[in-house]
Amino acid sequence: MSLIEKAVQRLEELKRVGADLTDESGPAPAELEALRRGIGIRDDAVAAEPDHEPEHREPSLRPPVLQRSATPPAHDGGDGVEVSRRVVVDLARMASGGMVTPDAPRSLIADEYRVIKRPLLMNAQGKGAAPVHNGNLIMVTSAMPGEGKSFTAINLAMSMAMELDSTVLLVDADLARQSVLNVLGLPPAKGLMDVVAGENVALSDVLLKTNVDRLSLLPAGTAHPRATELLASDGMLRLFEEMAARYSDRIIVFDSPPLLVTTEARTLAAHMGQIVMVVEAEKTTHATVKQALATIEACPVKLLMLNKSTRSKAGSYYGYYGYGYGYGYGDGV
């Protein structure tokens, strides 16, 4: 018979005869300690146990005390990422705005983004002409507002999420004009700025898993008066490095502010491996494009995409240029 079994038997015998458990005739301290550990009784529970039970009840031992966490743990998003909650993207709204959706994989816009994403994926996966540091960090921007960079970032992320070998995180980094959640039909939420500003918010607390397989979201979060300084901080640098290295198969697409309007975009660009600059056809001047490109010279890979262009004929492509899309969310996207 084990020490615990002997202690239990001894305790029951003493209770039946009404013995005082604190008396020297009671179980030895070692036996009581083993009893407590073996059945999970707290010290205060043993002290509060009456000397003997009423005659109509059989002596019984208290069950283990269970402690329940006040905050439920974050669930796994399915791609190895812990996320705080799941959200439902309004795919019907996206489709009505002429955007890429997984339920319409052979649409014209879906085919066009297949062409756009291929070199980006090659670089991100280390299959390009040369290795690209942080190649899986892709920033989508423009020179000026209204050229379609948010529209492009969302479509690019959605198209990449339709790949079989990659997961995608879409980050709304346009702190002044947050639009990603609005376009996707979602309410505002905490995000990037709340993590970097030291508000005791972890990255896993603000990541959102969507109803689109392999696509998660990181909202911009609460506006901050020192956004530029936070983006340039060591904390942000460590966060970007972690995001780039922790999951090597994840593509992270940033919807960035315009390059010539705010300084946040230039600060953000310093951490990126690839940048896609959206240029509005027949509106953005050559001088404006050159000025914007000069602000991101340090980025190893810079690609241009002409948006809102008029096709000369059906099915024509001009290298990495000449893409015309449906455009249904206004000039600010």
Protein backbone atom coordinates (compact mmCIF):
# COMPACT_ATOMS: atom_id res chain seq x y z
CA MET A 1 0.00 0.00 0.00
CA SER A 2 1.40 3.44 -0.95
CA LEU A 3 2.07 6.25 1.51
CA ILE A 4 -0.93 8.21 0.22
CA GLU A 5 -3.29 5.22 0.58
CA LYS A 6 -2.05 4.62 4.12
CA ALA A 7 -2.60 8.30 5.00
CA VAL A 8 -6.15 8.24 3.63
CA GLN A 9 -6.97 5.07 5.55
CA ARG A 10 -5.49 6.50 8.74
CA LEU A 11 -7.43 9.75 8.35
CA GLU A 12 -10.75 7.93 7.92
CA GLU A 13 -10.10 5.79 10.99
CA LEU A 14 -9.34 8.83 13.10
CA LYS A 15 -12.47 10.62 11.88
CA ARG A 16 -14.67 7.64 12.79
CA VAL A 17 -13.43 7.73 16.39
CA GLY A 18 -13.59 11.54 16.57
CA ALA A 19 -9.85 12.04 16.98
CA ASP A 20 -8.33 15.49 16.76
CA LEU A 21 -6.24 15.68 13.59
CA THR A 22 -3.86 18.06 15.26
CA ASP A 23 -3.19 15.58 18.07
CA GLU A 24 0.07 13.66 18.11
CA SER A 25 -1.86 10.45 17.53
CA GLY A 26 -2.92 11.74 14.13
CA PRO A 27 -1.13 11.05 10.87
CA ALA A 28 2.50 11.97 10.74
CA PRO A 29 3.35 15.31 9.05
CA ALA A 30 4.89 13.43 6.14
CA GLU A 31 1.67 11.47 5.69
CA LEU A 32 -0.47 14.62 5.77
CA GLU A 33 1.82 16.32 3.26
CA ALA A 34 1.62 13.34 0.94
CA LEU A 35 -2.14 13.28 1.34
CA ARG A 36 -2.44 16.94 0.45
CA ARG A 37 -0.25 16.63 -2.62
CA GLY A 38 -1.84 13.41 -3.77
CA ILE A 39 -5.46 14.60 -3.74
CA GLY A 40 -4.92 18.33 -4.40
CA ILE A 41 -6.29 19.70 -1.12
CA ARG A 42 -5.20 23.22 -0.22
CA ASP A 43 -3.75 23.88 3.25
CA ASP A 44 -6.68 26.10 4.22
CA ALA A 45 -9.12 23.40 3.06
CA VAL A 46 -7.60 20.83 5.43
CA ALA A 47 -7.62 23.31 8.31
CA ALA A 48 -11.30 24.08 7.71
CA GLU A 49 -12.37 20.41 7.58
CA PRO A 50 -14.59 19.61 10.59
CA ASP A 51 -13.40 17.06 13.12
CA HIS A 52 -16.22 14.70 12.18
CA GLU A 53 -19.09 14.60 9.76
CA PRO A 54 -22.82 14.52 10.77
CA GLU A 55 -24.09 11.02 11.47
CA HIS A 56 -26.29 10.89 8.37
CA ARG A 57 -23.37 11.59 6.02
CA GLU A 58 -20.48 9.42 5.08
CA PRO A 59 -17.04 11.00 5.60
CA SER A 60 -15.73 12.41 2.36
CA LEU A 61 -12.64 14.18 1.08
CA ARG A 62 -12.88 17.50 -0.74
CA PRO A 63 -12.26 17.42 -4.48
CA PRO A 64 -9.30 19.29 -6.02
CA VAL A 65 -9.81 23.04 -6.33
CA LEU A 66 -9.92 24.06 -9.99
CA GLN A 67 -8.80 27.50 -11.06
CA ARG A 68 -10.20 29.01 -14.25
CA SER A 69 -8.41 31.70 -16.21
CA ALA A 70 -10.36 34.95 -16.49
CA THR A 71 -9.12 35.53 -20.06
CA PRO A 72 -9.55 32.77 -22.65
CA PRO A 73 -6.37 31.91 -24.54
CA ALA A 74 -5.97 33.09 -28.12
CA HIS A 75 -6.78 30.46 -30.69
CA ASP A 76 -4.52 29.33 -33.48
CA GLY A 77 -5.28 30.94 -36.82
CA GLY A 78 -4.40 27.78 -38.74
CA ASP A 79 -1.10 29.05 -40.13
CA GLY A 80 0.84 28.84 -36.87
CA VAL A 81 -0.22 32.34 -35.83
CA GLU A 82 -2.14 32.97 -32.63
CA VAL A 83 -4.88 35.47 -33.34
CA SER A 84 -7.31 37.19 -31.00
CA ARG A 85 -10.47 36.58 -33.02
CA ARG A 86 -11.93 35.61 -36.34
CA VAL A 87 -13.61 38.11 -38.66
CA VAL A 88 -15.72 37.70 -41.77
CA VAL A 89 -14.63 39.64 -44.86
CA ASP A 90 -17.50 40.85 -47.02
CA LEU A 91 -16.56 39.02 -50.22
CA ALA A 92 -19.76 40.06 -51.99
CA ARG A 93 -18.89 43.71 -51.41
CA MET A 94 -15.39 43.14 -52.74
CA ALA A 95 -16.68 41.42 -55.85
CA SER A 96 -19.13 44.24 -56.53
CA GLY A 97 -16.19 46.66 -56.40
CA GLY A 98 -14.29 44.68 -59.03
CA MET A 99 -11.79 43.12 -56.62
CA VAL A 100 -10.13 39.71 -56.40
CA THR A 101 -12.14 37.13 -54.46
CA PRO A 102 -11.42 33.42 -53.97
CA ASP A 103 -14.84 32.42 -55.29
CA ALA A 104 -14.09 34.04 -58.70
CA PRO A 105 -10.57 32.74 -59.47
CA ARG A 106 -10.85 33.13 -63.27
CA SER A 107 -11.99 36.72 -63.43
CA LEU A 108 -10.03 39.26 -65.50
CA ILE A 109 -8.71 41.03 -62.44
CA ALA A 110 -7.67 37.72 -60.83
CA ASP A 111 -5.69 36.82 -63.95
CA GLU A 112 -3.98 40.21 -63.97
CA TYR A 113 -2.89 39.90 -60.35
CA ARG A 114 -1.47 36.48 -61.08
CA VAL A 115 0.97 38.24 -63.40
CA ILE A 116 1.67 40.99 -60.88
CA LYS A 117 2.34 38.73 -57.91
CA ARG A 118 4.61 36.18 -59.60
CA PRO A 119 7.93 38.09 -59.46
CA LEU A 120 7.15 39.25 -55.94
CA LEU A 121 6.57 35.68 -54.79
CA MET A 122 9.73 34.50 -56.48
CA ASN A 123 11.78 37.10 -54.60
CA ALA A 124 10.00 36.39 -51.32
CA GLN A 125 10.70 32.67 -51.62
CA GLY A 126 14.36 33.15 -52.52
CA LYS A 127 13.86 31.97 -56.09
CA GLY A 128 14.61 35.26 -57.81
CA ALA A 129 17.76 36.28 -59.66
CA ALA A 130 19.45 37.25 -56.38
CA PRO A 131 18.66 36.86 -52.66
CA VAL A 132 16.50 39.67 -51.25
CA HIS A 133 16.78 40.53 -47.55
CA ASN A 134 13.30 40.60 -46.03
CA GLY A 135 11.91 39.69 -49.41
CA ASN A 136 8.66 38.61 -47.81
CA LEU A 137 8.01 42.16 -46.58
CA ILE A 138 6.23 43.89 -49.47
CA MET A 139 5.14 47.52 -49.28
CA VAL A 140 2.48 48.88 -51.64
CA THR A 141 2.54 52.66 -51.99
CA SER A 142 2.13 55.53 -54.44
CA ALA A 143 3.50 59.01 -54.96
CA MET A 144 0.24 60.82 -54.19
CA PRO A 145 -3.17 59.93 -52.67
CA GLY A 146 -5.91 58.49 -54.85
CA GLU A 147 -3.74 56.45 -57.21
CA GLY A 148 -5.11 53.11 -56.01
CA LYS A 149 -2.45 51.78 -53.64
CA SER A 150 -4.92 50.41 -51.04
CA PHE A 151 -6.98 48.81 -53.79
CA THR A 152 -3.78 47.21 -55.09
CA ALA A 153 -2.54 46.08 -51.67
CA ILE A 154 -5.82 44.33 -50.85
CA ASN A 155 -6.04 42.63 -54.24
CA LEU A 156 -2.41 41.58 -54.11
CA ALA A 157 -2.80 40.07 -50.64
CA MET A 158 -6.00 38.30 -51.66
CA SER A 159 -4.37 36.88 -54.79
CA MET A 160 -1.32 35.68 -52.86
CA ALA A 161 -3.57 34.03 -50.27
CA MET A 162 -4.96 31.87 -53.08
CA GLU A 163 -1.51 30.29 -53.48
CA LEU A 164 -1.07 26.78 -52.06
CA ASP A 165 2.30 27.26 -50.39
CA SER A 166 2.07 30.67 -48.72
CA THR A 167 0.14 32.38 -45.97
CA VAL A 168 -0.45 36.13 -46.15
CA LEU A 169 -0.68 38.88 -43.57
CA LEU A 170 -2.14 42.18 -44.81
CA VAL A 171 -1.02 45.13 -42.68
CA ASP A 172 -2.79 48.51 -42.79
CA ALA A 173 0.17 50.85 -42.27
CA ASP A 174 -1.57 53.97 -43.60
CA LEU A 175 -2.08 55.47 -40.17
CA ALA A 176 -3.59 58.77 -41.35
CA ARG A 177 -6.15 57.27 -43.76
CA GLN A 178 -6.89 53.74 -42.62
CA SER A 179 -9.00 52.04 -45.27
CA VAL A 180 -8.30 48.29 -45.34
CA LEU A 181 -10.89 47.30 -42.73
CA ASN A 182 -13.47 49.62 -44.25
CA VAL A 183 -13.01 48.19 -47.75
CA LEU A 184 -13.31 44.66 -46.36
CA GLY A 185 -16.52 45.57 -44.53
CA LEU A 186 -15.01 45.35 -41.03
CA PRO A 187 -15.23 47.74 -38.04
CA PRO A 188 -12.18 49.60 -36.65
CA ALA A 189 -9.92 47.60 -34.33
CA LYS A 190 -6.68 47.83 -32.38
CA GLY A 191 -3.56 47.05 -34.35
CA LEU A 192 -0.01 47.98 -35.27
CA MET A 193 0.25 51.29 -33.40
CA ASP A 194 -1.17 49.80 -30.21
CA VAL A 195 1.58 47.16 -30.21
CA VAL A 196 4.46 49.53 -30.97
CA ALA A 197 3.26 52.30 -28.62
CA GLY A 198 3.74 50.01 -25.63
CA GLU A 199 0.10 49.77 -24.61
CA ASN A 200 0.62 46.27 -23.16
CA VAL A 201 -0.81 44.84 -26.35
CA ALA A 202 0.87 41.83 -27.93
CA LEU A 203 0.93 41.19 -31.65
CA SER A 204 -1.18 38.08 -31.16
CA ASP A 205 -3.86 40.20 -29.47
CA VAL A 206 -4.57 42.26 -32.59
CA LEU A 207 -4.08 39.80 -35.47
CA LEU A 208 -7.36 38.90 -37.16
CA LYS A 209 -8.00 35.59 -38.89
CA THR A 210 -10.38 35.96 -41.82
CA ASN A 211 -12.84 33.67 -43.55
CA VAL A 212 -10.39 33.58 -46.48
CA ASP A 213 -8.01 30.66 -46.12
CA ARG A 214 -4.39 31.71 -45.54
CA LEU A 215 -5.23 35.42 -45.09
CA SER A 216 -4.87 37.29 -41.79
CA LEU A 217 -5.10 41.03 -41.06
CA LEU A 218 -3.20 43.48 -38.89
CA PRO A 219 -5.17 46.75 -38.58
CA ALA A 220 -3.41 50.09 -38.26
CA GLY A 221 -4.86 50.56 -34.80
CA THR A 222 -5.20 53.68 -32.71
CA ALA A 223 -3.87 56.89 -34.28
CA HIS A 224 -0.77 58.22 -32.54
CA PRO A 225 0.70 61.76 -32.71
CA ARG A 226 4.23 60.35 -32.88
CA ALA A 227 3.57 57.74 -35.55
CA THR A 228 6.69 58.60 -37.54
CA GLU A 229 8.95 58.24 -34.51
CA LEU A 230 7.32 54.94 -33.60
CA LEU A 231 7.80 53.59 -37.11
CA ALA A 232 11.50 54.54 -36.91
CA SER A 233 11.98 53.10 -33.41
CA ASP A 234 14.03 50.07 -32.44
CA GLY A 235 10.82 48.43 -31.29
CA MET A 236 9.33 48.66 -34.76
CA LEU A 237 12.56 47.36 -36.30
CA ARG A 238 12.51 44.34 -34.00
CA LEU A 239 8.84 43.77 -34.80
CA PHE A 240 9.50 43.83 -38.55
CA GLU A 241 12.47 41.48 -38.20
CA GLU A 242 10.35 39.09 -36.16
CA MET A 243 7.51 39.26 -38.66
CA ALA A 244 9.91 38.57 -41.54
CA ALA A 245 11.85 35.72 -39.92
CA ARG A 246 9.46 33.92 -37.60
CA TYR A 247 7.40 32.35 -40.38
CA SER A 248 9.48 32.05 -43.52
CA ASP A 249 6.54 30.98 -45.67
CA ARG A 250 4.41 34.02 -44.82
CA ILE A 251 4.12 36.98 -47.19
CA ILE A 252 3.45 40.29 -45.42
CA VAL A 253 1.85 43.01 -47.54
CA PHE A 254 1.84 46.57 -46.18
CA ASP A 255 -0.64 49.19 -47.36
CA SER A 256 1.59 52.25 -46.93
CA PRO A 257 0.87 55.99 -46.99
CA PRO A 258 1.80 57.90 -50.18
CA LEU A 259 5.50 58.68 -50.42
CA LEU A 260 5.26 62.41 -51.11
CA VAL A 261 2.57 63.25 -48.55
CA THR A 262 3.86 61.84 -45.25
CA THR A 263 7.25 60.83 -43.86
CA GLU A 264 5.85 57.56 -42.44
CA ALA A 265 6.05 55.88 -45.85
CA ARG A 266 9.76 56.64 -46.25
CA THR A 267 10.48 55.36 -42.74
CA LEU A 268 8.50 52.21 -43.42
CA ALA A 269 10.30 51.67 -46.74
CA ALA A 270 13.63 51.35 -44.94
CA HIS A 271 12.48 48.01 -43.49
CA MET A 272 11.02 46.53 -46.67
CA GLY A 273 12.50 43.95 -49.02
CA GLN A 274 10.23 44.84 -51.95
CA ILE A 275 8.17 47.90 -52.87
CA VAL A 276 5.35 48.15 -55.40
CA MET A 277 4.66 51.75 -56.39
CA VAL A 278 1.27 52.33 -57.97
CA VAL A 279 1.13 55.03 -60.65
CA GLU A 280 -2.18 56.43 -61.89
CA ALA A 281 -2.39 56.43 -65.67
CA GLU A 282 -2.75 59.79 -67.44
CA LYS A 283 -2.54 61.73 -64.17
CA THR A 284 0.73 61.17 -62.27
CA THR A 285 3.55 63.01 -64.00
CA HIS A 286 6.95 61.61 -64.85
CA ALA A 287 8.59 64.14 -62.52
CA THR A 288 6.37 63.05 -59.63
CA VAL A 289 7.27 59.40 -60.19
CA LYS A 290 10.99 60.21 -60.22
CA GLN A 291 10.67 62.25 -57.05
CA ALA A 292 8.85 59.43 -55.27
CA LEU A 293 11.35 56.79 -56.39
CA ALA A 294 14.20 58.93 -55.05
CA THR A 295 12.78 58.56 -51.53
CA ILE A 296 13.02 54.74 -51.60
CA GLU A 297 16.41 54.23 -53.21
CA ALA A 298 17.60 52.05 -50.33
CA CYS A 299 15.02 49.32 -50.99
CA PRO A 300 16.59 46.47 -53.00
CA VAL A 301 13.54 45.77 -55.20
CA LYS A 302 11.25 48.48 -56.58
CA LEU A 303 8.48 47.66 -59.06
CA LEU A 304 6.04 50.02 -60.77
CA MET A 305 2.43 49.23 -61.59
CA LEU A 306 0.32 51.46 -63.83
CA ASN A 307 -3.24 51.65 -62.51
CA LYS A 308 -6.52 52.82 -64.13
CA SER A 309 -5.06 52.52 -67.60
CA THR A 310 -7.04 52.07 -70.82
CA ARG A 311 -6.23 48.89 -72.72
CA SER A 312 -5.31 49.24 -76.36
CA LYS A 313 -6.71 45.79 -77.03
CA ALA A 314 -8.07 42.88 -75.07
CA GLY A 315 -5.51 40.77 -73.29
CA SER A 316 -2.56 43.13 -73.86
CA TYR A 317 0.12 43.37 -71.20
CA TYR A 318 3.12 45.66 -71.18
CA GLY A 319 5.71 43.84 -69.13
CA TYR A 320 4.94 44.89 -65.57
CA TYR A 321 2.83 47.82 -66.73
CA GLY A 322 -0.54 48.51 -68.27
CA TYR A 323 -3.09 47.07 -65.84
CA GLY A 324 -6.60 48.51 -65.85
CA TYR A 325 -9.09 47.56 -63.15
CA GLY A 326 -12.61 48.04 -61.97
CA TYR A 327 -12.38 50.71 -59.30
CA GLY A 328 -15.26 51.06 -56.90
CA TYR A 329 -14.08 52.60 -53.63
CA GLY A 330 -13.41 56.26 -54.38
CA ASP A 331 -10.31 58.36 -54.84
CA GLY A 332 -8.93 57.80 -51.38
CA VAL A 333 -8.22 54.10 -51.88
